[in-house]
Amino acid sequence: MPNLKSHLFSLPEYLLLIAVLFYWVSTAIILNPVAIVLAGILVFQLFTKNRIVGIVIPSILILISLYMLLALFSEFNEFETINAQALKLLAMGLTLFLGTITASVSMLYKYVVDENR
């Protein structure tokens, strides 16, 4: 059971790694330096459990996701009528960015609050 518990405790890192891999695939650029660096840092974090990296990375990802939510709403407002394409953009964007924020907040909670206990 401790092995399952440790994997569940690392769930935010896995979810963020999946989001980075989704970003990497969706850009269709094989040598995407941003995705490579983010994936490398998250893999490093999975193995080392460094507290400082565990606080900095989710904080940066929260800020980036909030910025991207603003960009998403701006792009959504450019549609003259709300059609299927606009709703698809909104649904995918909200799912991706709110999921990233949720995983980042849970990772922050893990490294800030649980480390103090």
N, C-alpha and C. Protein backbone atom coordinates (compact mmCIF):
# COMPACT_ATOMS: atom_id res chain seq x y z
N MET A 1 0.79 -1.20 0.00
CA MET A 1 0.00 0.00 0.00
C MET A 1 0.85 1.28 0.00
N PRO A 2 2.01 1.31 0.67
CA PRO A 2 2.78 2.56 0.65
C PRO A 2 3.18 2.96 -0.77
N ASN A 3 3.39 1.99 -1.66
CA ASN A 3 3.77 2.31 -3.03
C ASN A 3 2.62 3.03 -3.74
N LEU A 4 1.38 2.58 -3.55
CA LEU A 4 0.22 3.22 -4.15
C LEU A 4 0.03 4.62 -3.57
N LYS A 5 0.25 4.75 -2.27
CA LYS A 5 0.09 6.05 -1.62
C LYS A 5 1.12 7.05 -2.15
N SER A 6 2.35 6.60 -2.37
CA SER A 6 3.37 7.50 -2.88
C SER A 6 3.07 7.92 -4.31
N HIS A 7 2.47 7.02 -5.11
CA HIS A 7 2.09 7.38 -6.48
C HIS A 7 0.92 8.36 -6.48
N LEU A 8 -0.04 8.16 -5.59
CA LEU A 8 -1.16 9.10 -5.50
C LEU A 8 -0.69 10.46 -5.00
N PHE A 9 0.32 10.46 -4.14
CA PHE A 9 0.87 11.71 -3.62
C PHE A 9 1.61 12.46 -4.72
N SER A 10 2.10 11.76 -5.74
CA SER A 10 2.78 12.37 -6.87
C SER A 10 1.84 12.67 -8.03
N LEU A 11 0.56 12.50 -7.83
CA LEU A 11 -0.42 12.71 -8.90
C LEU A 11 -0.36 14.11 -9.52
N PRO A 12 -0.19 15.20 -8.75
CA PRO A 12 -0.11 16.52 -9.40
C PRO A 12 1.05 16.62 -10.39
N GLU A 13 2.20 16.04 -10.06
CA GLU A 13 3.33 16.08 -10.98
C GLU A 13 3.02 15.31 -12.26
N TYR A 14 2.36 14.15 -12.11
CA TYR A 14 2.00 13.37 -13.28
C TYR A 14 1.00 14.12 -14.16
N LEU A 15 0.01 14.75 -13.53
CA LEU A 15 -0.98 15.51 -14.30
C LEU A 15 -0.34 16.69 -15.03
N LEU A 16 0.58 17.38 -14.37
CA LEU A 16 1.26 18.50 -15.03
C LEU A 16 2.17 18.00 -16.15
N LEU A 17 2.78 16.86 -15.96
CA LEU A 17 3.61 16.28 -17.02
C LEU A 17 2.74 15.91 -18.23
N ILE A 18 1.55 15.38 -17.99
CA ILE A 18 0.63 15.07 -19.08
C ILE A 18 0.21 16.34 -19.80
N ALA A 19 -0.04 17.43 -19.04
CA ALA A 19 -0.41 18.70 -19.67
C ALA A 19 0.73 19.24 -20.53
N VAL A 20 1.97 19.10 -20.06
CA VAL A 20 3.13 19.55 -20.85
C VAL A 20 3.27 18.71 -22.10
N LEU A 21 3.09 17.40 -21.98
CA LEU A 21 3.18 16.54 -23.16
C LEU A 21 2.06 16.84 -24.16
N PHE A 22 0.88 17.16 -23.66
CA PHE A 22 -0.22 17.57 -24.55
C PHE A 22 0.15 18.85 -25.29
N TYR A 23 0.73 19.81 -24.56
CA TYR A 23 1.17 21.06 -25.18
C TYR A 23 2.22 20.77 -26.25
N TRP A 24 3.18 19.90 -25.94
CA TRP A 24 4.26 19.58 -26.85
C TRP A 24 3.72 18.96 -28.15
N VAL A 25 2.79 18.02 -28.00
CA VAL A 25 2.21 17.36 -29.17
C VAL A 25 1.36 18.33 -29.98
N SER A 26 0.62 19.19 -29.30
CA SER A 26 -0.28 20.10 -30.01
C SER A 26 0.45 21.20 -30.76
N THR A 27 1.69 21.51 -30.37
CA THR A 27 2.44 22.52 -31.12
C THR A 27 3.03 21.96 -32.39
N ALA A 28 3.15 20.66 -32.50
CA ALA A 28 3.68 19.97 -33.68
C ALA A 28 5.11 20.37 -33.99
N ILE A 29 5.86 20.77 -32.96
CA ILE A 29 7.28 21.08 -33.11
C ILE A 29 8.05 20.04 -32.30
N ILE A 30 8.87 19.26 -32.99
CA ILE A 30 9.56 18.18 -32.30
C ILE A 30 10.57 18.71 -31.29
N LEU A 31 11.34 19.71 -31.68
CA LEU A 31 12.34 20.28 -30.78
C LEU A 31 11.81 21.56 -30.14
N ASN A 32 10.78 21.43 -29.33
CA ASN A 32 10.18 22.55 -28.63
C ASN A 32 10.94 22.75 -27.31
N PRO A 33 11.79 23.79 -27.21
CA PRO A 33 12.61 23.94 -26.01
C PRO A 33 11.80 24.20 -24.74
N VAL A 34 10.68 24.91 -24.84
CA VAL A 34 9.87 25.17 -23.65
C VAL A 34 9.31 23.86 -23.10
N ALA A 35 8.77 23.03 -23.98
CA ALA A 35 8.20 21.76 -23.54
C ALA A 35 9.28 20.82 -23.01
N ILE A 36 10.43 20.82 -23.65
CA ILE A 36 11.53 19.95 -23.21
C ILE A 36 11.99 20.35 -21.82
N VAL A 37 12.16 21.65 -21.59
CA VAL A 37 12.61 22.12 -20.27
C VAL A 37 11.56 21.84 -19.20
N LEU A 38 10.29 22.14 -19.49
CA LEU A 38 9.23 21.88 -18.51
C LEU A 38 9.11 20.39 -18.20
N ALA A 39 9.15 19.55 -19.21
CA ALA A 39 9.07 18.10 -18.98
C ALA A 39 10.28 17.63 -18.18
N GLY A 40 11.44 18.14 -18.50
CA GLY A 40 12.65 17.77 -17.75
C GLY A 40 12.57 18.17 -16.29
N ILE A 41 12.09 19.38 -16.04
CA ILE A 41 11.96 19.84 -14.65
C ILE A 41 10.94 19.01 -13.89
N LEU A 42 9.83 18.67 -14.52
CA LEU A 42 8.82 17.85 -13.84
C LEU A 42 9.30 16.43 -13.58
N VAL A 43 10.04 15.86 -14.52
CA VAL A 43 10.62 14.53 -14.29
C VAL A 43 11.64 14.60 -13.16
N PHE A 44 12.47 15.65 -13.16
CA PHE A 44 13.42 15.87 -12.07
C PHE A 44 12.69 15.95 -10.74
N GLN A 45 11.56 16.67 -10.73
CA GLN A 45 10.79 16.82 -9.50
C GLN A 45 10.18 15.50 -9.05
N LEU A 46 9.77 14.66 -9.98
CA LEU A 46 9.22 13.36 -9.62
C LEU A 46 10.23 12.50 -8.87
N PHE A 47 11.49 12.61 -9.27
CA PHE A 47 12.51 11.77 -8.65
C PHE A 47 13.13 12.38 -7.40
N THR A 48 13.28 13.70 -7.35
CA THR A 48 14.00 14.32 -6.23
C THR A 48 13.10 14.85 -5.13
N LYS A 49 11.86 15.23 -5.46
CA LYS A 49 10.92 15.82 -4.49
C LYS A 49 11.51 17.07 -3.82
N ASN A 50 12.18 17.91 -4.62
CA ASN A 50 12.80 19.13 -4.13
C ASN A 50 11.71 20.12 -3.75
N ARG A 51 11.78 20.65 -2.52
CA ARG A 51 10.73 21.54 -2.02
C ARG A 51 10.70 22.86 -2.77
N ILE A 52 11.84 23.44 -3.06
CA ILE A 52 11.88 24.73 -3.74
C ILE A 52 11.33 24.62 -5.15
N VAL A 53 11.75 23.60 -5.88
CA VAL A 53 11.22 23.38 -7.23
C VAL A 53 9.73 23.07 -7.15
N GLY A 54 9.30 22.37 -6.12
CA GLY A 54 7.90 22.03 -5.93
C GLY A 54 7.03 23.23 -5.61
N ILE A 55 7.63 24.35 -5.24
CA ILE A 55 6.89 25.58 -4.99
C ILE A 55 6.99 26.52 -6.19
N VAL A 56 8.16 26.61 -6.79
CA VAL A 56 8.38 27.56 -7.90
C VAL A 56 7.62 27.14 -9.15
N ILE A 57 7.74 25.89 -9.57
CA ILE A 57 7.13 25.44 -10.82
C ILE A 57 5.61 25.60 -10.80
N PRO A 58 4.89 25.14 -9.78
CA PRO A 58 3.44 25.34 -9.82
C PRO A 58 3.04 26.81 -9.75
N SER A 59 3.83 27.63 -9.05
CA SER A 59 3.53 29.06 -9.00
C SER A 59 3.62 29.68 -10.39
N ILE A 60 4.67 29.33 -11.12
CA ILE A 60 4.83 29.84 -12.49
C ILE A 60 3.71 29.32 -13.38
N LEU A 61 3.38 28.04 -13.25
CA LEU A 61 2.32 27.47 -14.08
C LEU A 61 0.95 28.08 -13.78
N ILE A 62 0.70 28.44 -12.53
CA ILE A 62 -0.56 29.11 -12.18
C ILE A 62 -0.63 30.47 -12.86
N LEU A 63 0.46 31.22 -12.79
CA LEU A 63 0.48 32.54 -13.42
C LEU A 63 0.31 32.43 -14.94
N ILE A 64 1.01 31.50 -15.55
CA ILE A 64 0.88 31.31 -17.00
C ILE A 64 -0.54 30.88 -17.36
N SER A 65 -1.14 29.99 -16.58
CA SER A 65 -2.49 29.53 -16.88
C SER A 65 -3.51 30.65 -16.72
N LEU A 66 -3.32 31.51 -15.71
CA LEU A 66 -4.22 32.65 -15.56
C LEU A 66 -4.11 33.60 -16.75
N TYR A 67 -2.89 33.83 -17.20
CA TYR A 67 -2.69 34.65 -18.39
C TYR A 67 -3.35 34.02 -19.61
N MET A 68 -3.20 32.72 -19.76
CA MET A 68 -3.79 32.02 -20.90
C MET A 68 -5.32 31.99 -20.82
N LEU A 69 -5.87 31.99 -19.61
CA LEU A 69 -7.33 32.10 -19.48
C LEU A 69 -7.81 33.45 -20.01
N LEU A 70 -7.06 34.50 -19.70
CA LEU A 70 -7.41 35.82 -20.23
C LEU A 70 -7.34 35.82 -21.76
N ALA A 71 -6.30 35.20 -22.31
CA ALA A 71 -6.17 35.10 -23.76
C ALA A 71 -7.31 34.27 -24.36
N LEU A 72 -7.70 33.22 -23.66
CA LEU A 72 -8.81 32.38 -24.12
C LEU A 72 -10.11 33.18 -24.19
N PHE A 73 -10.41 33.94 -23.13
CA PHE A 73 -11.63 34.73 -23.13
C PHE A 73 -11.58 35.84 -24.18
N SER A 74 -10.41 36.39 -24.41
CA SER A 74 -10.25 37.40 -25.45
C SER A 74 -10.53 36.80 -26.83
N GLU A 75 -9.98 35.62 -27.05
CA GLU A 75 -10.21 34.94 -28.34
C GLU A 75 -11.68 34.54 -28.49
N PHE A 76 -12.30 34.12 -27.41
CA PHE A 76 -13.71 33.74 -27.45
C PHE A 76 -14.59 34.95 -27.79
N ASN A 77 -14.23 36.12 -27.26
CA ASN A 77 -15.01 37.33 -27.54
C ASN A 77 -14.88 37.79 -28.98
N GLU A 78 -13.88 37.32 -29.72
CA GLU A 78 -13.72 37.71 -31.10
C GLU A 78 -14.71 37.00 -32.03
N PHE A 79 -15.34 35.94 -31.55
CA PHE A 79 -16.37 35.26 -32.35
C PHE A 79 -17.60 36.16 -32.39
N GLU A 80 -18.12 36.39 -33.59
CA GLU A 80 -19.31 37.23 -33.73
C GLU A 80 -20.54 36.53 -33.20
N THR A 81 -20.65 35.24 -33.47
CA THR A 81 -21.75 34.44 -32.93
C THR A 81 -21.15 33.24 -32.20
N ILE A 82 -21.86 32.79 -31.20
CA ILE A 82 -21.39 31.62 -30.46
C ILE A 82 -21.82 30.38 -31.24
N ASN A 83 -20.83 29.75 -31.87
CA ASN A 83 -21.11 28.56 -32.67
C ASN A 83 -20.37 27.37 -32.07
N ALA A 84 -20.40 26.25 -32.76
CA ALA A 84 -19.78 25.03 -32.25
C ALA A 84 -18.27 25.19 -32.10
N GLN A 85 -17.65 25.91 -33.02
CA GLN A 85 -16.21 26.11 -32.94
C GLN A 85 -15.84 26.97 -31.72
N ALA A 86 -16.64 27.98 -31.43
CA ALA A 86 -16.38 28.83 -30.26
C ALA A 86 -16.53 28.05 -28.97
N LEU A 87 -17.56 27.22 -28.91
CA LEU A 87 -17.79 26.41 -27.71
C LEU A 87 -16.70 25.36 -27.54
N LYS A 88 -16.22 24.80 -28.64
CA LYS A 88 -15.14 23.82 -28.57
C LYS A 88 -13.87 24.48 -28.05
N LEU A 89 -13.57 25.70 -28.55
CA LEU A 89 -12.41 26.44 -28.07
C LEU A 89 -12.52 26.71 -26.58
N LEU A 90 -13.68 27.15 -26.14
CA LEU A 90 -13.89 27.46 -24.74
C LEU A 90 -13.79 26.21 -23.86
N ALA A 91 -14.41 25.12 -24.30
CA ALA A 91 -14.40 23.89 -23.50
C ALA A 91 -12.99 23.32 -23.37
N MET A 92 -12.27 23.24 -24.48
CA MET A 92 -10.90 22.70 -24.43
C MET A 92 -9.98 23.60 -23.62
N GLY A 93 -10.09 24.90 -23.82
CA GLY A 93 -9.24 25.83 -23.10
C GLY A 93 -9.50 25.82 -21.61
N LEU A 94 -10.77 25.86 -21.23
CA LEU A 94 -11.10 25.82 -19.81
C LEU A 94 -10.66 24.52 -19.17
N THR A 95 -10.85 23.41 -19.87
CA THR A 95 -10.43 22.12 -19.33
C THR A 95 -8.92 22.09 -19.11
N LEU A 96 -8.17 22.52 -20.10
CA LEU A 96 -6.71 22.48 -20.00
C LEU A 96 -6.20 23.43 -18.92
N PHE A 97 -6.63 24.68 -18.95
CA PHE A 97 -6.05 25.66 -18.03
C PHE A 97 -6.57 25.53 -16.61
N LEU A 98 -7.85 25.21 -16.43
CA LEU A 98 -8.35 24.99 -15.07
C LEU A 98 -7.80 23.69 -14.49
N GLY A 99 -7.60 22.69 -15.33
CA GLY A 99 -6.95 21.45 -14.86
C GLY A 99 -5.52 21.70 -14.44
N THR A 100 -4.80 22.52 -15.20
CA THR A 100 -3.42 22.87 -14.85
C THR A 100 -3.38 23.66 -13.55
N ILE A 101 -4.30 24.59 -13.39
CA ILE A 101 -4.35 25.38 -12.14
C ILE A 101 -4.67 24.47 -10.96
N THR A 102 -5.60 23.55 -11.13
CA THR A 102 -5.97 22.64 -10.04
C THR A 102 -4.79 21.74 -9.65
N ALA A 103 -4.11 21.17 -10.63
CA ALA A 103 -2.95 20.32 -10.33
C ALA A 103 -1.83 21.15 -9.69
N SER A 104 -1.65 22.38 -10.14
CA SER A 104 -0.60 23.23 -9.58
C SER A 104 -0.91 23.62 -8.14
N VAL A 105 -2.17 23.94 -7.87
CA VAL A 105 -2.56 24.29 -6.50
C VAL A 105 -2.38 23.09 -5.57
N SER A 106 -2.74 21.90 -6.03
CA SER A 106 -2.56 20.72 -5.18
C SER A 106 -1.07 20.43 -4.97
N MET A 107 -0.25 20.70 -5.98
CA MET A 107 1.19 20.51 -5.81
C MET A 107 1.75 21.55 -4.83
N LEU A 108 1.29 22.79 -4.92
CA LEU A 108 1.70 23.82 -3.96
C LEU A 108 1.29 23.42 -2.55
N TYR A 109 0.06 22.94 -2.41
CA TYR A 109 -0.41 22.51 -1.09
C TYR A 109 0.49 21.41 -0.53
N LYS A 110 0.88 20.50 -1.41
CA LYS A 110 1.72 19.39 -0.97
C LYS A 110 3.06 19.87 -0.45
N TYR A 111 3.67 20.83 -1.13
CA TYR A 111 5.02 21.26 -0.75
C TYR A 111 5.04 22.39 0.25
N VAL A 112 3.95 23.14 0.41
CA VAL A 112 3.93 24.24 1.37
C VAL A 112 3.30 23.79 2.68
N VAL A 113 2.09 23.29 2.63
CA VAL A 113 1.34 22.97 3.84
C VAL A 113 1.79 21.65 4.46
N ASP A 114 1.89 20.60 3.64
CA ASP A 114 2.24 19.29 4.18
C ASP A 114 3.68 19.24 4.68
N GLU A 115 4.57 20.03 4.12
CA GLU A 115 5.96 20.04 4.59
C GLU A 115 6.09 20.68 5.96
N ASN A 116 5.13 21.54 6.31
CA ASN A 116 5.18 22.24 7.61
C ASN A 116 4.65 21.38 8.74
N ARG A 117 4.02 20.26 8.43
CA ARG A 117 3.46 19.39 9.48
C ARG A 117 4.50 18.49 10.03
